[in-house]
Protein backbone atom coordinates (compact mmCIF):
# COMPACT_ATOMS: atom_id res chain seq x y z
CA MET A 1 23.62 10.54 -32.30
CA SER A 2 25.94 7.82 -31.16
CA LYS A 3 25.43 6.24 -28.12
CA PRO A 4 26.57 7.89 -24.94
CA GLN A 5 30.46 7.31 -23.67
CA ILE A 6 31.04 7.87 -19.91
CA PHE A 7 34.50 7.90 -18.42
CA GLN A 8 33.82 6.99 -14.85
CA HIS A 9 37.61 7.23 -13.65
CA LYS A 10 37.73 8.70 -10.40
CA ASN A 11 39.06 12.50 -10.52
CA HIS A 12 38.44 12.30 -14.02
CA PRO A 13 36.10 14.35 -16.11
CA LYS A 14 33.20 12.62 -17.81
CA LEU A 15 31.79 13.73 -21.10
CA ASN A 16 28.26 12.95 -21.88
CA TRP A 17 26.64 12.84 -25.18
CA LYS A 18 22.77 13.31 -25.09
CA GLU A 19 19.93 13.53 -27.31
CA ILE A 20 17.46 16.35 -26.77
CA PRO A 21 14.20 16.27 -28.47
CA GLY A 22 13.19 19.26 -30.35
CA LEU A 23 16.88 20.96 -30.28
CA GLN A 24 17.93 22.01 -33.94
CA PRO A 25 21.26 21.23 -35.01
CA LEU A 26 23.48 24.06 -36.23
CA PRO A 27 24.95 23.82 -39.80
CA CYS A 28 28.28 22.25 -39.78
CA ASP A 29 30.81 21.32 -42.58
CA PRO A 30 31.12 17.48 -42.96
CA ASN A 31 34.71 17.86 -42.89
CA ASP A 32 34.73 19.22 -39.04
CA LEU A 33 36.10 16.86 -36.58
CA LEU A 34 35.75 16.36 -33.00
CA GLN A 35 38.59 15.65 -30.70
CA TRP A 36 37.77 12.40 -28.56
CA PRO A 37 39.96 10.81 -26.04
CA LYS A 38 40.91 7.15 -26.68
CA HIS A 39 39.75 5.09 -23.34
CA GLY A 40 42.80 4.04 -21.80
CA GLY A 41 44.76 7.43 -22.02
CA GLY A 42 47.70 8.24 -23.94
CA GLY A 43 47.01 10.84 -26.67
CA GLY A 44 43.86 11.52 -28.47
CA GLY A 45 41.71 10.20 -31.17
CA ARG A 46 39.59 11.81 -33.79
CA ARG A 47 36.12 11.17 -34.28
CA ARG A 48 33.99 12.64 -37.16
CA SER A 49 30.98 14.31 -36.32
CA ARG A 50 27.73 13.33 -38.06
CA GLY A 51 26.45 16.46 -39.85
CA GLY A 52 23.04 17.11 -39.82
CA GLY A 53 22.29 14.39 -37.65
CA GLY A 54 19.83 15.11 -34.69
CA GLY A 55 20.13 17.79 -31.72
CA GLY A 56 22.73 16.56 -29.49
CA PHE A 57 24.36 18.11 -26.42
CA ALA A 58 27.92 17.48 -24.67
CA SER A 59 28.58 18.49 -21.01
CA VAL A 60 31.48 18.04 -18.87
CA SER A 61 31.19 17.63 -15.22
CA MET A 62 33.44 16.08 -12.26
CA MET A 63 32.53 12.80 -10.91
CA GLU A 64 30.93 12.54 -7.68
CA LYS A 65 33.23 11.10 -4.92
CA THR A 66 30.56 10.31 -2.41
CA LEU A 67 31.32 6.20 -3.07
CA GLU A 68 34.43 6.70 -1.27
CA PHE A 69 32.94 7.52 1.87
CA GLU A 70 30.25 4.69 1.85
CA PRO A 71 30.31 2.42 4.79
CA THR A 72 32.01 -0.71 4.49
CA ALA A 73 30.38 -4.16 4.80
CA ALA A 74 32.20 -4.50 8.15
CA GLN A 75 30.77 -1.11 9.29
CA LEU A 76 27.29 -1.93 8.21
CA PHE A 77 27.73 -5.44 10.13
CA LYS A 78 28.67 -3.59 13.36
CA HIS A 79 25.97 -0.74 12.78
CA PRO A 80 22.98 -2.91 11.11
CA LEU A 81 20.42 0.02 11.82
CA ALA A 82 22.59 1.87 8.85
CA ILE A 83 21.54 -0.93 6.55
CA VAL A 84 17.98 0.62 6.23
CA ALA A 85 19.15 3.56 4.88
CA LEU A 86 20.27 1.79 1.60
CA VAL A 87 16.53 1.23 0.76
CA PRO A 88 15.32 4.23 -0.98
CA LYS A 89 13.13 6.57 1.38
CA ASP A 90 9.97 6.45 -0.44
CA ALA A 91 10.09 2.49 -0.66
CA ALA A 92 10.82 2.11 3.11
CA VAL A 93 7.86 4.36 4.07
CA PHE A 94 5.64 2.73 1.47
CA ALA A 95 6.69 -0.80 3.16
CA ALA A 96 6.24 0.73 6.34
CA GLY A 97 2.80 1.39 5.69
CA ALA A 98 2.12 -1.97 4.35
CA VAL A 99 3.68 -3.44 7.48
CA SER A 100 1.78 -1.62 9.66
CA GLY A 101 -1.60 -2.76 7.83
CA ALA A 102 -0.80 -6.37 8.14
CA ALA A 103 -0.02 -6.24 11.89
CA ALA A 104 -3.11 -4.17 12.67
CA LYS A 105 -5.09 -6.98 10.78
CA THR A 106 -3.43 -9.61 12.53
CA VAL A 107 -3.91 -8.28 15.95
CA THR A 108 -7.68 -7.79 15.15
CA ALA A 109 -8.14 -11.07 13.22
CA PRO A 110 -10.42 -12.37 16.07
CA LEU A 111 -12.88 -9.41 16.04
CA ASP A 112 -12.86 -9.92 12.21
CA ARG A 113 -13.71 -13.55 12.26
CA ILE A 114 -16.59 -13.08 14.98
CA LYS A 115 -18.04 -10.53 12.66
CA LEU A 116 -17.78 -12.84 9.38
CA ILE A 117 -19.44 -15.58 11.49
CA MET A 118 -22.46 -12.96 12.76
CA GLN A 119 -22.62 -11.78 9.17
CA THR A 120 -23.24 -15.14 7.49
CA HIS A 121 -25.00 -17.07 10.24
CA GLY A 122 -28.74 -16.72 8.68
CA LEU A 123 -27.35 -18.38 5.17
CA ARG A 124 -25.44 -21.16 6.93
CA VAL A 125 -27.70 -22.47 9.02
CA GLY A 126 -30.99 -22.72 6.80
CA GLN A 127 -34.45 -20.81 6.78
CA GLU A 128 -35.69 -22.53 9.76
CA SER A 129 -33.00 -21.38 12.37
CA ALA A 130 -32.21 -18.17 10.71
CA LYS A 131 -34.44 -16.24 13.21
CA LYS A 132 -32.05 -17.31 15.96
CA ALA A 133 -29.45 -14.85 15.41
CA ILE A 134 -26.14 -15.51 16.78
CA GLY A 135 -24.56 -13.18 19.24
CA PHE A 136 -21.25 -11.67 19.79
CA ILE A 137 -20.51 -13.88 22.80
CA GLN A 138 -22.01 -16.95 21.31
CA ALA A 139 -19.80 -16.84 18.20
CA PHE A 140 -16.61 -16.19 20.56
CA VAL A 141 -17.40 -19.10 22.44
CA ALA A 142 -18.26 -21.19 19.71
CA ILE A 143 -15.27 -20.79 17.60
CA GLY A 144 -13.04 -21.53 20.81
CA LYS A 145 -15.30 -24.81 21.42
CA GLN A 146 -14.83 -26.03 17.68
CA GLU A 147 -11.43 -25.01 16.60
CA GLY A 148 -9.51 -24.09 19.50
CA ILE A 149 -7.34 -20.53 19.77
CA LYS A 150 -6.05 -21.04 16.30
CA GLY A 151 -9.67 -20.70 14.88
CA TYR A 152 -9.60 -17.13 15.80
CA TRP A 153 -7.05 -16.46 13.14
CA LYS A 154 -8.27 -18.94 10.72
CA GLY A 155 -8.25 -17.03 7.45
CA ASN A 156 -5.90 -14.37 8.53
CA PHE A 157 -2.77 -15.42 6.18
CA ALA A 158 -5.10 -14.53 3.18
CA GLN A 159 -6.15 -11.37 4.99
CA VAL A 160 -2.80 -10.54 5.39
CA ALA A 161 -2.01 -11.43 1.84
CA ARG A 162 -4.71 -9.25 0.47
CA VAL A 163 -3.91 -6.33 2.68
CA LEU A 164 -0.16 -5.98 1.33
CA PRO A 165 -1.17 -5.63 -2.18
CA TYR A 166 -4.42 -3.68 -0.96
CA SER A 167 -2.64 -0.86 0.80
CA ALA A 168 0.03 -0.91 -2.12
CA VAL A 169 -2.40 -0.43 -4.88
CA GLN A 170 -5.05 1.76 -2.76
CA LEU A 171 -2.03 4.23 -1.61
CA PHE A 172 -0.65 4.66 -5.40
CA ALA A 173 -3.95 4.83 -6.99
CA TYR A 174 -5.07 7.58 -4.37
CA ASP A 175 -1.95 9.87 -5.53
CA THR A 176 -2.86 9.33 -8.87
CA TYR A 177 -6.40 10.17 -8.94
CA LYS A 178 -5.54 13.12 -6.55
CA LYS A 179 -3.52 14.80 -9.39
CA LEU A 180 -6.50 14.04 -11.83
CA PHE A 181 -9.03 15.75 -9.81
CA ARG A 182 -7.06 18.70 -8.79
CA GLY A 183 -8.29 22.22 -9.60
CA THR A 184 -6.98 24.76 -11.84
CA ASP A 185 -5.52 26.41 -9.04
CA GLY A 186 -3.67 23.14 -7.89
CA GLU A 187 -6.20 22.58 -4.93
CA LEU A 188 -7.85 19.62 -3.99
CA SER A 189 -11.50 20.43 -3.17
CA ILE A 190 -13.79 18.25 -0.93
CA ILE A 191 -15.40 16.92 -4.01
CA GLY A 192 -12.44 16.24 -5.39
CA ARG A 193 -11.04 14.30 -2.37
CA LEU A 194 -14.28 12.36 -2.08
CA ALA A 195 -13.82 11.25 -5.88
CA ALA A 196 -10.06 10.31 -5.42
CA GLY A 197 -10.71 8.20 -2.50
CA ALA A 198 -13.89 6.70 -4.15
CA CYS A 199 -11.98 5.85 -7.30
CA ALA A 200 -8.88 4.36 -5.05
CA GLY A 201 -10.90 2.31 -2.93
CA MET A 202 -12.57 0.62 -5.97
CA THR A 203 -9.34 0.34 -7.69
CA SER A 204 -7.50 -1.76 -4.89
CA THR A 205 -10.65 -3.61 -4.31
CA LEU A 206 -10.99 -4.72 -7.90
CA VAL A 207 -7.46 -6.06 -7.97
CA THR A 208 -7.46 -7.71 -4.66
CA TYR A 209 -11.23 -9.20 -4.50
CA PRO A 210 -10.18 -12.83 -5.30
CA LEU A 211 -8.24 -12.78 -2.28
CA ASP A 212 -10.85 -11.41 -0.18
CA VAL A 213 -13.49 -13.99 -1.34
CA LEU A 214 -10.67 -16.98 -0.55
CA ARG A 215 -10.51 -15.49 3.18
CA LEU A 216 -14.00 -15.44 3.64
CA ARG A 217 -14.47 -18.95 2.41
CA LEU A 218 -11.34 -20.06 4.68
CA ALA A 219 -12.82 -18.27 7.59
CA VAL A 220 -16.54 -19.62 7.57
CA ASP A 221 -16.45 -22.92 5.68
CA PRO A 222 -15.34 -25.95 7.85
CA GLY A 223 -15.06 -27.94 4.46
CA TYR A 224 -11.59 -25.88 3.48
CA HIS A 225 -8.35 -26.06 5.50
CA THR A 226 -6.18 -24.15 3.29
CA MET A 227 -6.20 -21.30 0.85
CA THR A 228 -4.96 -23.51 -2.04
CA ASP A 229 -8.05 -25.90 -1.02
CA VAL A 230 -10.31 -23.29 -1.24
CA PHE A 231 -9.00 -21.94 -4.82
CA VAL A 232 -8.84 -25.49 -6.30
CA LYS A 233 -12.55 -26.61 -5.06
CA MET A 234 -13.60 -23.35 -6.18
CA LEU A 235 -12.26 -23.32 -9.66
CA LYS A 236 -13.44 -26.81 -10.32
CA GLU A 237 -16.80 -26.24 -8.68
CA GLU A 238 -18.09 -23.13 -9.26
CA GLY A 239 -15.71 -21.92 -12.09
CA VAL A 240 -13.77 -18.48 -12.53
CA GLY A 241 -16.65 -16.26 -11.71
CA SER A 242 -17.18 -17.30 -8.09
CA PHE A 243 -13.84 -15.47 -7.32
CA TYR A 244 -15.85 -12.32 -8.56
CA ARG A 245 -19.24 -12.98 -6.94
CA GLY A 246 -20.53 -10.08 -4.97
CA LEU A 247 -18.27 -7.53 -6.73
CA GLY A 248 -20.85 -5.11 -7.53
CA PRO A 249 -21.76 -4.21 -3.94
CA SER A 250 -18.25 -4.47 -2.74
CA LEU A 251 -17.35 -1.56 -5.19
CA ILE A 252 -20.46 0.38 -4.19
CA GLY A 253 -19.80 -0.16 -0.69
CA ILE A 254 -16.14 0.76 -0.69
CA ALA A 255 -16.34 3.85 -2.74
CA PRO A 256 -18.45 5.87 -0.27
CA TYR A 257 -16.62 3.98 2.59
CA VAL A 258 -13.34 5.32 1.66
CA ALA A 259 -14.67 8.77 0.51
CA VAL A 260 -16.54 9.33 3.72
CA ASN A 261 -13.79 8.16 5.63
CA PHE A 262 -11.08 10.45 4.13
CA CYS A 263 -13.62 13.64 4.07
CA VAL A 264 -14.48 13.34 7.88
CA PHE A 265 -11.08 12.66 8.83
CA ASP A 266 -10.03 15.68 7.23
CA LEU A 267 -12.64 18.23 8.19
CA VAL A 268 -12.42 16.84 12.06
CA LYS A 269 -8.72 17.19 12.13
CA LYS A 270 -8.76 20.82 10.44
CA SER A 271 -11.31 21.70 13.31
CA LEU A 272 -8.75 20.69 16.07
CA PRO A 273 -6.81 23.54 17.69
CA GLU A 274 -3.57 23.80 15.74
CA LYS A 275 -1.32 22.52 18.85
CA PHE A 276 -3.24 19.51 18.87
CA ARG A 277 -3.70 18.94 15.28
CA ASN A 278 -0.38 17.12 14.85
CA LYS A 279 -0.54 14.86 18.01
CA ALA A 280 -0.52 11.06 17.54
CA GLU A 281 -3.66 10.95 20.22
CA ALA A 282 -5.41 13.23 17.98
CA SER A 283 -5.05 11.31 14.89
CA ILE A 284 -5.91 8.23 16.62
CA MET A 285 -9.29 9.53 18.08
CA THR A 286 -10.00 11.58 14.47
CA ALA A 287 -9.05 8.10 12.32
CA PHE A 288 -11.82 5.99 14.98
CA MET A 289 -14.47 8.64 14.44
CA ALA A 290 -13.97 8.76 10.74
CA ALA A 291 -13.80 5.24 10.32
CA THR A 292 -17.13 4.49 12.64
CA ILE A 293 -19.28 6.98 10.83
CA ALA A 294 -18.19 5.65 7.73
CA THR A 295 -18.72 2.13 8.81
CA LEU A 296 -22.10 2.70 10.39
CA THR A 297 -23.14 4.28 6.74
CA CYS A 298 -21.86 1.67 4.56
CA TYR A 299 -22.29 -1.60 6.67
CA PRO A 300 -25.51 -2.75 5.19
CA LEU A 301 -23.54 -3.10 1.73
CA ASP A 302 -20.78 -5.21 3.15
CA THR A 303 -23.19 -7.70 4.87
CA ILE A 304 -24.88 -8.24 1.32
CA ARG A 305 -21.44 -8.66 -0.31
CA ARG A 306 -20.59 -11.31 2.37
CA GLN A 307 -23.85 -13.58 1.99
CA MET A 308 -23.39 -13.03 -2.11
CA GLN A 309 -19.90 -14.44 -1.55
CA MET A 310 -20.80 -17.63 0.31
CA ARG A 311 -21.26 -20.95 -1.65
CA GLY A 312 -24.78 -21.86 -2.66
CA THR A 313 -25.96 -18.48 -2.16
CA PRO A 314 -29.65 -17.71 -3.67
CA TYR A 315 -29.03 -14.09 -4.37
CA LYS A 316 -28.37 -12.88 -7.81
CA ASN A 317 -27.59 -9.25 -7.66
CA ILE A 318 -27.72 -6.59 -4.54
CA LEU A 319 -31.64 -5.75 -4.58
CA ASP A 320 -32.47 -9.52 -4.38
CA ALA A 321 -29.62 -9.89 -1.63
CA CYS A 322 -30.99 -6.85 0.04
CA SER A 323 -34.75 -7.79 0.17
CA GLY A 324 -34.11 -11.39 0.88
CA ILE A 325 -31.89 -10.54 3.88
CA ILE A 326 -34.68 -8.11 5.21
CA ASP A 327 -37.43 -10.81 4.33
CA ARG A 328 -35.64 -13.32 6.61
CA ASP A 329 -33.81 -11.23 9.40
CA GLY A 330 -35.51 -7.56 9.19
CA VAL A 331 -33.61 -4.59 8.71
CA VAL A 332 -31.13 -5.63 11.87
CA GLY A 333 -30.03 -8.22 9.91
CA LEU A 334 -28.15 -5.97 7.13
CA TYR A 335 -26.02 -4.70 10.67
CA ARG A 336 -25.44 -8.28 11.94
CA GLY A 337 -21.75 -8.69 13.27
CA PHE A 338 -21.76 -4.55 13.42
CA VAL A 339 -20.40 -4.46 17.05
CA PRO A 340 -17.22 -6.55 16.82
CA ASN A 341 -16.49 -4.86 13.43
CA ALA A 342 -17.10 -1.25 15.31
CA LEU A 343 -14.76 -2.82 18.30
CA LYS A 344 -12.05 -3.55 15.84
CA THR A 345 -11.91 -0.35 14.53
CA LEU A 346 -10.29 1.63 17.11
CA PRO A 347 -7.24 -0.90 18.00
CA ASN A 348 -7.12 -1.55 14.49
CA SER A 349 -6.32 2.27 13.66
CA SER A 350 -4.33 2.64 16.99
CA ILE A 351 -2.28 -0.32 15.94
CA LYS A 352 -1.50 0.84 12.39
CA LEU A 353 -0.65 4.51 13.26
CA THR A 354 1.52 3.41 16.51
CA THR A 355 3.56 0.85 14.30
CA PHE A 356 3.63 3.16 11.36
CA ASP A 357 5.09 6.26 13.44
CA ALA A 358 7.83 3.34 15.03
CA MET A 359 8.96 2.54 11.67
CA LYS A 360 9.33 6.06 10.48
CA ARG A 361 11.43 6.80 13.30
CA VAL A 362 13.63 3.81 12.56
CA ILE A 363 13.94 5.08 9.21
CA SER A 364 14.80 8.46 10.32
CA ALA A 365 17.30 6.91 12.81
CA SER A 366 18.98 4.83 10.12
CA GLU A 367 19.41 7.99 7.75
CA LYS A 368 21.41 9.62 10.69
CA GLU A 369 23.27 6.39 11.61
CA PHE A 370 24.44 6.23 7.79
CA GLN A 371 25.14 9.91 7.43
CA ARG A 372 27.05 9.51 10.86
CA ILE A 373 29.51 6.61 9.22
CA LEU A 374 29.86 8.66 6.16
CA GLU A 375 31.17 11.44 8.21
CA GLU A 376 33.50 9.53 10.00
CA ASN A 377 34.80 7.95 6.81
CA ARG A 378 35.12 11.39 5.19
CA ASN A 379 37.04 12.50 8.30
CA GLU A 380 39.32 9.76 8.39
CA GLN A 381 40.37 10.23 4.74
CA LYS A 382 41.16 13.84 5.48
CA GLN A 383 43.43 12.78 8.35
CA ASN A 384 44.85 10.34 6.18
CA THR A 385 45.50 13.09 3.67
CA ASN A 386 47.11 15.42 6.37
CA ASP A 387 49.20 12.87 7.49
CA SER A 388 50.64 11.63 3.89
CA THR A 389 51.62 15.44 3.40
CA PHE A 390 54.13 15.70 6.20
């Protein structure tokens, strides 16, 4: 079939020629002719049909006149909220989720920095001083004295840069895996949800892991000042493999974390009375409970991962790191930094949900504003049409 020709003149019909796979063409006489309008009007042309050439289909429809009512640049400038409605809704909601995650990470960055300092203290100070674990208040004061206020947000740019693609990949992957793990009845079982969450967590971690390593080095190593500095030095001194050191425990740790988080959240949410189920307060508390249980279960693997990411780490694998940490610091060493990590869970979840809900309200308001302008333009055109008839 020849390439489709579409006439898009206002108030004119448009003729579409489309290929339909599997459609068998009817036998036709090679001398048959189709009437074809010449572009530009004035009479008709004649186009010979191609006998036996693929299954084609033609349809005639009227052009949509919505474009005639779209807001002008002046109207959008006067009502800037309507500009948001020009973005596809799925993309806008997706961006809202990414921005919410970045905002939550930025606000809770000081707690995350303190957690990293506590997690890696034993390895940084050496074997002799490792027994003297650094506490939450001590780490907080040390950062302020040595680096000032900015020190609490050191490495946050790398964290935000990681969170944006991490959230995007995880969201897309989770939706994809949910389709794969659905049963024959179309429902997603608890096992299927656990599997989908685990796979989504591992996929997003694999894609963004180098950024996480860069963020850790920048946050705990005083010899680094920028992400570029960290990247260049690591590449020269340690090679490409250093960007993926500790990936094994990361994948093993994130899989159960995301799986348990999703599962607990769903079960607790379903157990609530229906009148409380859709309230923001219920979502915040449920998310906090799910994240706390998941963190308590999987935190030791996070500590192992962090110490394997450090420059000059003596650990070669997960078992080696686990036994080394326990020998040096005891079992409690696996949970160093747990308190600040747990403390940041509630504000992180709260900020993320609150920001996301606020942005969704902005998206909804922009759509209403856009529709209001369209209606105004439509009514104005009708009024002009009526006036011209008298």
